[in-house]
C-alpha atoms as a PDB file:
ATOM      1  CA  MET A   1     -12.350   7.780 -47.960  1.00  0.00           C
ATOM      2  CA  GLY A   2     -12.325   6.430 -51.553  1.00  0.00           C
ATOM      3  CA  GLU A   3     -15.342   6.148 -53.803  1.00  0.00           C
ATOM      4  CA  TYR A   4     -16.227   3.002 -55.722  1.00  0.00           C
ATOM      5  CA  ILE A   5     -18.089   2.530 -58.958  1.00  0.00           C
ATOM      6  CA  GLN A   6     -20.842  -0.089 -58.747  1.00  0.00           C
ATOM      7  CA  ILE A   7     -21.966  -1.742 -61.982  1.00  0.00           C
ATOM      8  CA  GLU A   8     -25.150  -3.775 -61.711  1.00  0.00           C
ATOM      9  CA  PHE A   9     -26.164  -6.328 -64.352  1.00  0.00           C
ATOM     10  CA  ASN A  10     -29.690  -7.736 -64.311  1.00  0.00           C
ATOM     11  CA  GLU A  11     -31.429 -10.620 -66.032  1.00  0.00           C
ATOM     12  CA  ILE A  12     -28.242 -12.583 -66.607  1.00  0.00           C
ATOM     13  CA  SER A  13     -27.559 -16.314 -66.300  1.00  0.00           C
ATOM     14  CA  GLN A  14     -25.161 -17.952 -63.873  1.00  0.00           C
ATOM     15  CA  GLU A  15     -22.868 -18.693 -66.806  1.00  0.00           C
ATOM     16  CA  GLN A  16     -22.859 -15.039 -67.881  1.00  0.00           C
ATOM     17  CA  SER A  17     -22.207 -13.956 -64.302  1.00  0.00           C
ATOM     18  CA  ASP A  18     -19.199 -16.262 -63.984  1.00  0.00           C
ATOM     19  CA  VAL A  19     -17.654 -15.108 -67.257  1.00  0.00           C
ATOM     20  CA  LEU A  20     -18.266 -11.439 -66.424  1.00  0.00           C
ATOM     21  CA  ILE A  21     -16.532 -11.868 -63.063  1.00  0.00           C
ATOM     22  CA  ALA A  22     -13.459 -13.301 -64.771  1.00  0.00           C
ATOM     23  CA  LEU A  23     -13.297 -10.544 -67.381  1.00  0.00           C
ATOM     24  CA  LEU A  24     -13.972  -7.687 -64.974  1.00  0.00           C
ATOM     25  CA  ASN A  25     -11.429  -9.002 -62.481  1.00  0.00           C
ATOM     26  CA  GLU A  26      -8.780  -8.673 -65.196  1.00  0.00           C
ATOM     27  CA  ILE A  27      -9.567  -4.970 -65.753  1.00  0.00           C
ATOM     28  CA  GLY A  28      -9.435  -3.928 -62.118  1.00  0.00           C
ATOM     29  CA  PHE A  29     -12.785  -4.808 -60.558  1.00  0.00           C
ATOM     30  CA  ASP A  30     -12.043  -6.207 -57.101  1.00  0.00           C
ATOM     31  CA  GLY A  31     -15.442  -6.948 -55.567  1.00  0.00           C
ATOM     32  CA  PHE A  32     -18.451  -8.919 -56.734  1.00  0.00           C
ATOM     33  CA  GLU A  33     -21.862  -9.640 -55.284  1.00  0.00           C
ATOM     34  CA  GLU A  34     -23.977 -12.285 -56.996  1.00  0.00           C
ATOM     35  CA  GLY A  35     -27.744 -12.550 -56.651  1.00  0.00           C
ATOM     36  CA  GLU A  36     -30.473 -14.410 -58.456  1.00  0.00           C
ATOM     37  CA  SER A  37     -30.165 -13.359 -62.119  1.00  0.00           C
ATOM     38  CA  CYS A  38     -28.025 -10.352 -61.211  1.00  0.00           C
ATOM     39  CA  LEU A  39     -24.439  -9.326 -60.536  1.00  0.00           C
ATOM     40  CA  LYS A  40     -22.929  -6.273 -58.875  1.00  0.00           C
ATOM     41  CA  ALA A  41     -19.293  -5.488 -59.648  1.00  0.00           C
ATOM     42  CA  PHE A  42     -17.161  -2.908 -57.825  1.00  0.00           C
ATOM     43  CA  ILE A  43     -14.026  -0.993 -58.770  1.00  0.00           C
ATOM     44  CA  PRO A  44     -12.249   2.000 -57.202  1.00  0.00           C
ATOM     45  CA  LYS A  45     -13.400   5.122 -59.021  1.00  0.00           C
ATOM     46  CA  LEU A  46      -9.810   6.132 -59.761  1.00  0.00           C
ATOM     47  CA  ASP A  47      -9.185   2.782 -61.508  1.00  0.00           C
ATOM     48  CA  PHE A  48     -12.319   2.810 -63.648  1.00  0.00           C
ATOM     49  CA  ASN A  49     -11.693   3.181 -67.392  1.00  0.00           C
ATOM     50  CA  GLU A  50     -15.106   3.476 -69.002  1.00  0.00           C
ATOM     51  CA  SER A  51     -13.959   2.787 -72.558  1.00  0.00           C
ATOM     52  CA  VAL A  52     -12.084  -0.386 -71.549  1.00  0.00           C
ATOM     53  CA  PHE A  53     -15.110  -1.506 -69.535  1.00  0.00           C
ATOM     54  CA  ASN A  54     -17.535  -0.949 -72.421  1.00  0.00           C
ATOM     55  CA  GLU A  55     -15.279  -2.798 -74.860  1.00  0.00           C
ATOM     56  CA  SER A  56     -14.938  -5.745 -72.443  1.00  0.00           C
ATOM     57  CA  ILE A  57     -18.660  -6.297 -71.975  1.00  0.00           C
ATOM     58  CA  LYS A  58     -19.705  -5.470 -75.553  1.00  0.00           C
ATOM     59  CA  PRO A  59     -19.935  -9.146 -76.670  1.00  0.00           C
ATOM     60  CA  PHE A  60     -22.432  -9.905 -73.887  1.00  0.00           C
ATOM     61  CA  GLN A  61     -25.077  -7.412 -75.029  1.00  0.00           C
ATOM     62  CA  VAL A  62     -26.309  -7.002 -71.450  1.00  0.00           C
ATOM     63  CA  SER A  63     -27.849  -3.951 -69.828  1.00  0.00           C
ATOM     64  CA  PHE A  64     -26.342  -2.418 -66.696  1.00  0.00           C
ATOM     65  CA  SER A  65     -26.616   0.518 -64.334  1.00  0.00           C
ATOM     66  CA  GLN A  66     -23.741   2.518 -62.881  1.00  0.00           C
ATOM     67  CA  THR A  67     -23.623   4.079 -59.412  1.00  0.00           C
ATOM     68  CA  ALA A  68     -20.947   5.818 -57.339  1.00  0.00           C
ATOM     69  CA  ILE A  69     -20.880   4.556 -53.738  1.00  0.00           C
ATOM     70  CA  ARG A  70     -18.812   5.046 -50.625  1.00  0.00           C
ATOM     71  CA  GLU A  71     -16.408   2.234 -49.719  1.00  0.00           C
ATOM     72  CA  THR A  72     -17.881   1.828 -46.232  1.00  0.00           C
ATOM     73  CA  ASN A  73     -21.383   1.284 -47.602  1.00  0.00           C
ATOM     74  CA  TRP A  74     -20.060  -1.381 -49.978  1.00  0.00           C
ATOM     75  CA  ASN A  75     -18.306  -3.235 -47.175  1.00  0.00           C
ATOM     76  CA  LYS A  76     -21.441  -3.267 -45.018  1.00  0.00           C
ATOM     77  CA  LEU A  77     -23.502  -4.513 -47.945  1.00  0.00           C
ATOM     78  CA  TRP A  78     -20.988  -7.264 -48.731  1.00  0.00           C
ATOM     79  CA  GLU A  79     -20.882  -8.456 -45.136  1.00  0.00           C
ATOM     80  CA  SER A  80     -24.652  -8.428 -44.737  1.00  0.00           C
ATOM     81  CA  ASN A  81     -25.108 -10.599 -47.844  1.00  0.00           C
ATOM     82  CA  PHE A  82     -22.294 -13.057 -47.158  1.00  0.00           C
ATOM     83  CA  GLU A  83     -23.543 -16.625 -46.635  1.00  0.00           C
ATOM     84  CA  PRO A  84     -21.490 -19.636 -45.471  1.00  0.00           C
ATOM     85  CA  VAL A  85     -19.957 -21.812 -48.189  1.00  0.00           C
ATOM     86  CA  ILE A  86     -20.033 -25.560 -47.546  1.00  0.00           C
ATOM     87  CA  ILE A  87     -17.933 -27.870 -49.737  1.00  0.00           C
ATOM     88  CA  ASP A  88     -19.348 -31.373 -49.300  1.00  0.00           C
ATOM     89  CA  ASP A  89     -18.609 -32.690 -45.790  1.00  0.00           C
ATOM     90  CA  TYR A  90     -15.009 -31.501 -46.063  1.00  0.00           C
ATOM     91  CA  ALA A  91     -14.804 -27.748 -45.456  1.00  0.00           C
ATOM     92  CA  ALA A  92     -16.898 -24.701 -44.663  1.00  0.00           C
ATOM     93  CA  ILE A  93     -16.087 -21.001 -45.033  1.00  0.00           C
ATOM     94  CA  ARG A  94     -18.119 -18.673 -42.852  1.00  0.00           C
ATOM     95  CA  ALA A  95     -17.993 -15.275 -41.197  1.00  0.00           C
ATOM     96  CA  ASP A  96     -17.611 -14.928 -37.450  1.00  0.00           C
ATOM     97  CA  PHE A  97     -21.240 -13.802 -37.159  1.00  0.00           C
ATOM     98  CA  HIS A  98     -22.434 -17.189 -38.475  1.00  0.00           C
ATOM     99  CA  GLU A  99     -23.041 -20.245 -36.329  1.00  0.00           C
ATOM    100  CA  PRO A 100     -20.315 -22.930 -36.518  1.00  0.00           C
ATOM    101  CA  VAL A 101     -20.816 -25.555 -39.234  1.00  0.00           C
ATOM    102  CA  ARG A 102     -20.681 -28.881 -37.412  1.00  0.00           C
ATOM    103  CA  SER A 103     -21.084 -31.157 -40.430  1.00  0.00           C
ATOM    104  CA  VAL A 104     -17.612 -30.615 -41.949  1.00  0.00           C
ATOM    105  CA  GLN A 105     -14.067 -31.711 -41.142  1.00  0.00           C
ATOM    106  CA  LEU A 106     -12.478 -28.263 -41.430  1.00  0.00           C
ATOM    107  CA  GLU A 107     -13.882 -24.797 -40.900  1.00  0.00           C
ATOM    108  CA  ILE A 108     -12.439 -21.440 -41.965  1.00  0.00           C
ATOM    109  CA  VAL A 109     -13.704 -18.203 -40.457  1.00  0.00           C
ATOM    110  CA  ILE A 110     -13.101 -15.116 -42.567  1.00  0.00           C
ATOM    111  CA  THR A 111     -13.895 -11.432 -42.573  1.00  0.00           C
ATOM    112  CA  PRO A 112     -15.894 -11.056 -45.796  1.00  0.00           C
ATOM    113  CA  LYS A 113     -14.596  -8.137 -47.825  1.00  0.00           C
ATOM    114  CA  MET A 114     -13.880  -7.387 -51.449  1.00  0.00           C
ATOM    115  CA  SER A 115     -10.992  -9.807 -51.938  1.00  0.00           C
ATOM    116  CA  PHE A 116     -11.508 -12.580 -54.475  1.00  0.00           C
ATOM    117  CA  GLY A 117     -11.719 -16.082 -53.004  1.00  0.00           C
ATOM    118  CA  THR A 118     -14.475 -16.482 -50.428  1.00  0.00           C
ATOM    119  CA  GLY A 119     -15.386 -19.931 -51.724  1.00  0.00           C
ATOM    120  CA  HIS A 120     -18.568 -18.844 -53.460  1.00  0.00           C
ATOM    121  CA  HIS A 121     -16.922 -18.770 -56.866  1.00  0.00           C
ATOM    122  CA  ALA A 122     -16.711 -22.016 -58.825  1.00  0.00           C
ATOM    123  CA  THR A 123     -12.912 -21.857 -59.111  1.00  0.00           C
ATOM    124  CA  THR A 124     -12.299 -21.588 -55.361  1.00  0.00           C
ATOM    125  CA  TYR A 125     -14.929 -24.268 -54.746  1.00  0.00           C
ATOM    126  CA  MET A 126     -13.169 -26.693 -57.126  1.00  0.00           C
ATOM    127  CA  MET A 127      -9.745 -25.945 -55.652  1.00  0.00           C
ATOM    128  CA  ILE A 128     -11.015 -26.827 -52.187  1.00  0.00           C
ATOM    129  CA  GLN A 129     -12.731 -29.988 -53.456  1.00  0.00           C
ATOM    130  CA  GLN A 130      -9.501 -31.157 -55.085  1.00  0.00           C
ATOM    131  CA  MET A 131      -7.332 -30.200 -52.106  1.00  0.00           C
ATOM    132  CA  ARG A 132      -9.254 -32.809 -50.130  1.00  0.00           C
ATOM    133  CA  GLY A 133      -7.519 -35.586 -52.067  1.00  0.00           C
ATOM    134  CA  LEU A 134      -3.985 -34.387 -51.263  1.00  0.00           C
ATOM    135  CA  ASP A 135      -1.784 -35.270 -48.324  1.00  0.00           C
ATOM    136  CA  PHE A 136      -0.628 -31.950 -46.866  1.00  0.00           C
ATOM    137  CA  SER A 137       1.042 -33.449 -43.811  1.00  0.00           C
ATOM    138  CA  GLU A 138       4.495 -31.864 -43.312  1.00  0.00           C
ATOM    139  CA  LYS A 139       4.430 -30.499 -46.876  1.00  0.00           C
ATOM    140  CA  SER A 140       5.606 -27.114 -48.157  1.00  0.00           C
ATOM    141  CA  VAL A 141       2.914 -25.189 -50.048  1.00  0.00           C
ATOM    142  CA  PHE A 142       2.928 -22.166 -52.352  1.00  0.00           C
ATOM    143  CA  ASP A 143      -0.377 -20.288 -52.765  1.00  0.00           C
ATOM    144  CA  PHE A 144       0.060 -17.953 -55.748  1.00  0.00           C
ATOM    145  CA  GLY A 145      -2.613 -15.240 -55.821  1.00  0.00           C
ATOM    146  CA  THR A 146      -3.892 -15.923 -52.318  1.00  0.00           C
ATOM    147  CA  GLY A 147      -6.749 -13.371 -52.310  1.00  0.00           C
ATOM    148  CA  THR A 148      -8.555 -13.814 -48.988  1.00  0.00           C
ATOM    149  CA  GLY A 149      -6.037 -16.483 -47.948  1.00  0.00           C
ATOM    150  CA  VAL A 150      -8.590 -19.282 -47.673  1.00  0.00           C
ATOM    151  CA  LEU A 151      -6.545 -21.845 -49.630  1.00  0.00           C
ATOM    152  CA  ALA A 152      -3.411 -21.083 -47.604  1.00  0.00           C
ATOM    153  CA  ILE A 153      -5.410 -21.371 -44.382  1.00  0.00           C
ATOM    154  CA  LEU A 154      -6.925 -24.663 -45.523  1.00  0.00           C
ATOM    155  CA  ALA A 155      -3.455 -25.977 -46.408  1.00  0.00           C
ATOM    156  CA  GLU A 156      -2.173 -25.251 -42.899  1.00  0.00           C
ATOM    157  CA  LYS A 157      -5.286 -26.701 -41.277  1.00  0.00           C
ATOM    158  CA  SER A 158      -4.686 -29.823 -43.413  1.00  0.00           C
ATOM    159  CA  GLY A 159      -1.199 -30.278 -41.956  1.00  0.00           C
ATOM    160  CA  ALA A 160       1.201 -28.262 -44.120  1.00  0.00           C
ATOM    161  CA  LYS A 161       4.406 -27.349 -42.279  1.00  0.00           C
ATOM    162  CA  LYS A 162       5.034 -24.180 -44.324  1.00  0.00           C
ATOM    163  CA  VAL A 163       2.798 -22.122 -46.610  1.00  0.00           C
ATOM    164  CA  VAL A 164       4.039 -19.186 -48.668  1.00  0.00           C
ATOM    165  CA  ALA A 165       1.085 -17.068 -49.814  1.00  0.00           C
ATOM    166  CA  VAL A 166       1.559 -14.169 -52.234  1.00  0.00           C
ATOM    167  CA  ASP A 167      -0.605 -11.511 -53.820  1.00  0.00           C
ATOM    168  CA  ASN A 168       0.052  -8.154 -55.453  1.00  0.00           C
ATOM    169  CA  ASP A 169      -3.141  -6.444 -54.288  1.00  0.00           C
ATOM    170  CA  GLU A 170      -2.896  -4.305 -51.166  1.00  0.00           C
ATOM    171  CA  TRP A 171      -6.497  -4.945 -50.157  1.00  0.00           C
ATOM    172  CA  SER A 172      -6.082  -8.722 -50.515  1.00  0.00           C
ATOM    173  CA  ILE A 173      -2.884  -8.735 -48.466  1.00  0.00           C
ATOM    174  CA  ALA A 174      -4.607  -6.858 -45.631  1.00  0.00           C
ATOM    175  CA  ASN A 175      -7.671  -9.100 -45.735  1.00  0.00           C
ATOM    176  CA  ALA A 176      -5.579 -12.291 -45.937  1.00  0.00           C
ATOM    177  CA  GLN A 177      -3.504 -11.177 -42.947  1.00  0.00           C
ATOM    178  CA  GLU A 178      -6.676 -10.590 -40.953  1.00  0.00           C
ATOM    179  CA  ASN A 179      -8.073 -14.004 -41.918  1.00  0.00           C
ATOM    180  CA  ILE A 180      -4.794 -15.800 -41.169  1.00  0.00           C
ATOM    181  CA  LYS A 181      -4.771 -14.300 -37.685  1.00  0.00           C
ATOM    182  CA  ARG A 182      -8.475 -15.056 -37.167  1.00  0.00           C
ATOM    183  CA  ASN A 183      -7.842 -18.758 -37.878  1.00  0.00           C
ATOM    184  CA  ASN A 184      -4.826 -18.929 -35.519  1.00  0.00           C
ATOM    185  CA  CYS A 185      -2.479 -19.908 -38.349  1.00  0.00           C
ATOM    186  CA  THR A 186       1.256 -19.702 -37.660  1.00  0.00           C
ATOM    187  CA  ALA A 187       2.840 -21.472 -40.660  1.00  0.00           C
ATOM    188  CA  ILE A 188       1.710 -19.020 -43.356  1.00  0.00           C
ATOM    189  CA  HIS A 189       4.231 -16.510 -44.706  1.00  0.00           C
ATOM    190  CA  LEU A 190       2.337 -13.752 -46.518  1.00  0.00           C
ATOM    191  CA  GLN A 191       4.179 -11.763 -49.183  1.00  0.00           C
ATOM    192  CA  ASP A 192       3.385  -8.898 -51.532  1.00  0.00           C
ATOM    193  CA  ALA A 193       4.736 -10.063 -54.900  1.00  0.00           C
ATOM    194  CA  ASN A 194       4.028  -9.535 -58.599  1.00  0.00           C
ATOM    195  CA  SER A 195       5.216 -12.922 -59.838  1.00  0.00           C
ATOM    196  CA  ALA A 196       5.599 -16.551 -58.808  1.00  0.00           C
ATOM    197  CA  GLN A 197       9.409 -16.371 -58.903  1.00  0.00           C
ATOM    198  CA  LEU A 198      10.487 -17.113 -55.333  1.00  0.00           C
ATOM    199  CA  ASN A 199      13.470 -19.434 -55.920  1.00  0.00           C
ATOM    200  CA  GLU A 200      12.159 -21.990 -53.445  1.00  0.00           C
ATOM    201  CA  LYS A 201      10.917 -25.556 -53.824  1.00  0.00           C
ATOM    202  CA  PHE A 202       7.377 -26.595 -52.898  1.00  0.00           C
ATOM    203  CA  ASP A 203       5.612 -29.941 -52.609  1.00  0.00           C
ATOM    204  CA  ILE A 204       2.210 -28.451 -53.502  1.00  0.00           C
ATOM    205  CA  ILE A 205       1.577 -25.322 -55.576  1.00  0.00           C
ATOM    206  CA  LEU A 206      -1.858 -23.699 -55.693  1.00  0.00           C
ATOM    207  CA  ALA A 207      -2.741 -21.042 -58.282  1.00  0.00           C
ATOM    208  CA  ASN A 208      -6.328 -19.853 -58.448  1.00  0.00           C
ATOM    209  CA  ILE A 209      -5.881 -16.688 -60.469  1.00  0.00           C
ATOM    210  CA  ASN A 210      -6.476 -15.997 -64.196  1.00  0.00           C
ATOM    211  CA  LYS A 211      -5.235 -17.398 -67.487  1.00  0.00           C
ATOM    212  CA  ASN A 212      -2.820 -14.638 -68.428  1.00  0.00           C
ATOM    213  CA  VAL A 213      -1.116 -14.546 -65.029  1.00  0.00           C
ATOM    214  CA  ILE A 214      -0.863 -18.344 -64.976  1.00  0.00           C
ATOM    215  CA  LEU A 215       0.648 -18.459 -68.470  1.00  0.00           C
ATOM    216  CA  ASP A 216       3.130 -15.709 -67.596  1.00  0.00           C
ATOM    217  CA  ASN A 217       4.264 -17.552 -64.458  1.00  0.00           C
ATOM    218  CA  LEU A 218       3.989 -21.232 -65.358  1.00  0.00           C
ATOM    219  CA  ASP A 219       7.731 -21.547 -66.028  1.00  0.00           C
ATOM    220  CA  PHE A 220       8.500 -20.224 -62.526  1.00  0.00           C
ATOM    221  CA  ILE A 221       5.871 -22.543 -61.030  1.00  0.00           C
ATOM    222  CA  LYS A 222       7.364 -25.559 -62.817  1.00  0.00           C
ATOM    223  CA  LYS A 223      10.924 -24.747 -61.679  1.00  0.00           C
ATOM    224  CA  GLN A 224       9.796 -24.420 -58.068  1.00  0.00           C
ATOM    225  CA  LEU A 225       7.950 -27.756 -57.941  1.00  0.00           C
ATOM    226  CA  SER A 226       9.663 -30.409 -55.835  1.00  0.00           C
ATOM    227  CA  PRO A 227      10.151 -33.912 -57.241  1.00  0.00           C
ATOM    228  CA  ASN A 228       6.836 -35.802 -56.978  1.00  0.00           C
ATOM    229  CA  GLY A 229       5.090 -32.500 -56.275  1.00  0.00           C
ATOM    230  CA  VAL A 230       1.673 -31.450 -57.613  1.00  0.00           C
ATOM    231  CA  ILE A 231       0.183 -28.244 -59.009  1.00  0.00           C
ATOM    232  CA  LEU A 232      -3.485 -27.266 -58.752  1.00  0.00           C
ATOM    233  CA  LEU A 233      -4.619 -24.578 -61.200  1.00  0.00           C
ATOM    234  CA  SER A 234      -7.942 -22.779 -61.563  1.00  0.00           C
ATOM    235  CA  GLY A 235      -9.294 -19.324 -62.314  1.00  0.00           C
ATOM    236  CA  LEU A 236      -9.541 -20.589 -65.875  1.00  0.00           C
ATOM    237  CA  LEU A 237     -12.459 -20.763 -68.256  1.00  0.00           C
ATOM    238  CA  ALA A 238     -13.215 -24.125 -69.863  1.00  0.00           C
ATOM    239  CA  ALA A 239     -12.401 -22.495 -73.201  1.00  0.00           C
ATOM    240  CA  ASP A 240      -8.833 -21.915 -71.960  1.00  0.00           C
ATOM    241  CA  GLU A 241      -8.111 -25.640 -71.650  1.00  0.00           C
ATOM    242  CA  GLN A 242      -6.193 -26.214 -74.893  1.00  0.00           C
ATOM    243  CA  GLU A 243      -4.024 -23.128 -74.448  1.00  0.00           C
ATOM    244  CA  ILE A 244      -3.148 -24.053 -70.867  1.00  0.00           C
ATOM    245  CA  LEU A 245      -2.430 -27.699 -71.665  1.00  0.00           C
ATOM    246  CA  ALA A 246      -0.298 -26.749 -74.684  1.00  0.00           C
ATOM    247  CA  LYS A 247       1.877 -24.588 -72.420  1.00  0.00           C
ATOM    248  CA  CYS A 248       2.058 -27.367 -69.819  1.00  0.00           C
ATOM    249  CA  ASN A 249       3.154 -29.901 -72.410  1.00  0.00           C
ATOM    250  CA  LYS A 250       5.784 -27.504 -73.754  1.00  0.00           C
ATOM    251  CA  ILE A 251       7.495 -27.104 -70.386  1.00  0.00           C
ATOM    252  CA  GLY A 252       7.160 -30.731 -69.320  1.00  0.00           C
ATOM    253  CA  LEU A 253       4.232 -30.687 -66.912  1.00  0.00           C
ATOM    254  CA  LYS A 254       2.020 -33.777 -66.934  1.00  0.00           C
ATOM    255  CA  PHE A 255      -1.758 -33.433 -66.954  1.00  0.00           C
ATOM    256  CA  ASP A 256      -3.379 -35.586 -64.238  1.00  0.00           C
ATOM    257  CA  VAL A 257      -6.927 -34.446 -63.444  1.00  0.00           C
ATOM    258  CA  LYS A 258      -9.490 -32.076 -64.964  1.00  0.00           C
ATOM    259  CA  ALA A 259     -12.761 -30.785 -63.482  1.00  0.00           C
ATOM    260  CA  GLU A 260     -15.351 -28.259 -64.619  1.00  0.00           C
ATOM    261  CA  ARG A 261     -18.007 -26.254 -62.789  1.00  0.00           C
ATOM    262  CA  TYR A 262     -20.236 -23.645 -64.433  1.00  0.00           C
ATOM    263  CA  ASN A 263     -17.857 -23.402 -67.417  1.00  0.00           C
ATOM    264  CA  TRP A 264     -14.835 -22.885 -65.170  1.00  0.00           C
ATOM    265  CA  LEU A 265     -11.847 -25.209 -65.386  1.00  0.00           C
ATOM    266  CA  PHE A 266      -9.614 -26.901 -62.808  1.00  0.00           C
ATOM    267  CA  VAL A 267      -6.505 -28.900 -63.680  1.00  0.00           C
ATOM    268  CA  LYS A 268      -4.071 -30.907 -61.597  1.00  0.00           C
ATOM    269  CA  LEU A 269      -0.513 -31.226 -62.920  1.00  0.00           C
ATOM    270  CA  SER A 270       2.694 -32.951 -61.898  1.00  0.00           C
END
């Protein structure tokens, strides 16, 4: 059974927590637990590079503690601290041990584990908010970097006829498969893939991932967009806006909508 390294930051702001999550996710951390003024980040011990970690957090000048923990203990802790996420009166994400949320149109039940994308993070929250304004009925959808699978599940529950969901993380694939089954979804095709190049056409493309992966794959995403299709992007910091929009303009994508939450950026393109 593998060991994990737990890094705990204390006395940090919500803004610092959000930025740390983005940076640590890029260097291999695959689980995060946020509390009031604190953040716990988790990475498999075998993947932990202490020098890379120290260099990444150096600009923040924050104190932290480091602990080695067993994977099973981390999972139990994550599940015990998971709270339902409610996005307006539109959607709720909860675990099966929570009571149903009656005040929303759509409900997703997930097994809370270390995969990114439970709805708590600002980027997933904004993606779900913006998905509300789209017509998914009989549409084909591509969810690039599916994580827990919540966006793919929401797309099917909103009427999509076909959803292709990809990720390159073994843990995420397993968790997404479990969540897809738990929500009785039958139109989602889950794939293990390292890029967005699928050589298919999609009416709606969702990518809630990180700036570098989005920039590396935006050409593929553009080529796979059906006429009159739309792209929803997040996983981006507000400071990334000009770089992302410059790339979009270069390849002929039109900027339609922008939103921000806790210094995180969402953009809608066509």
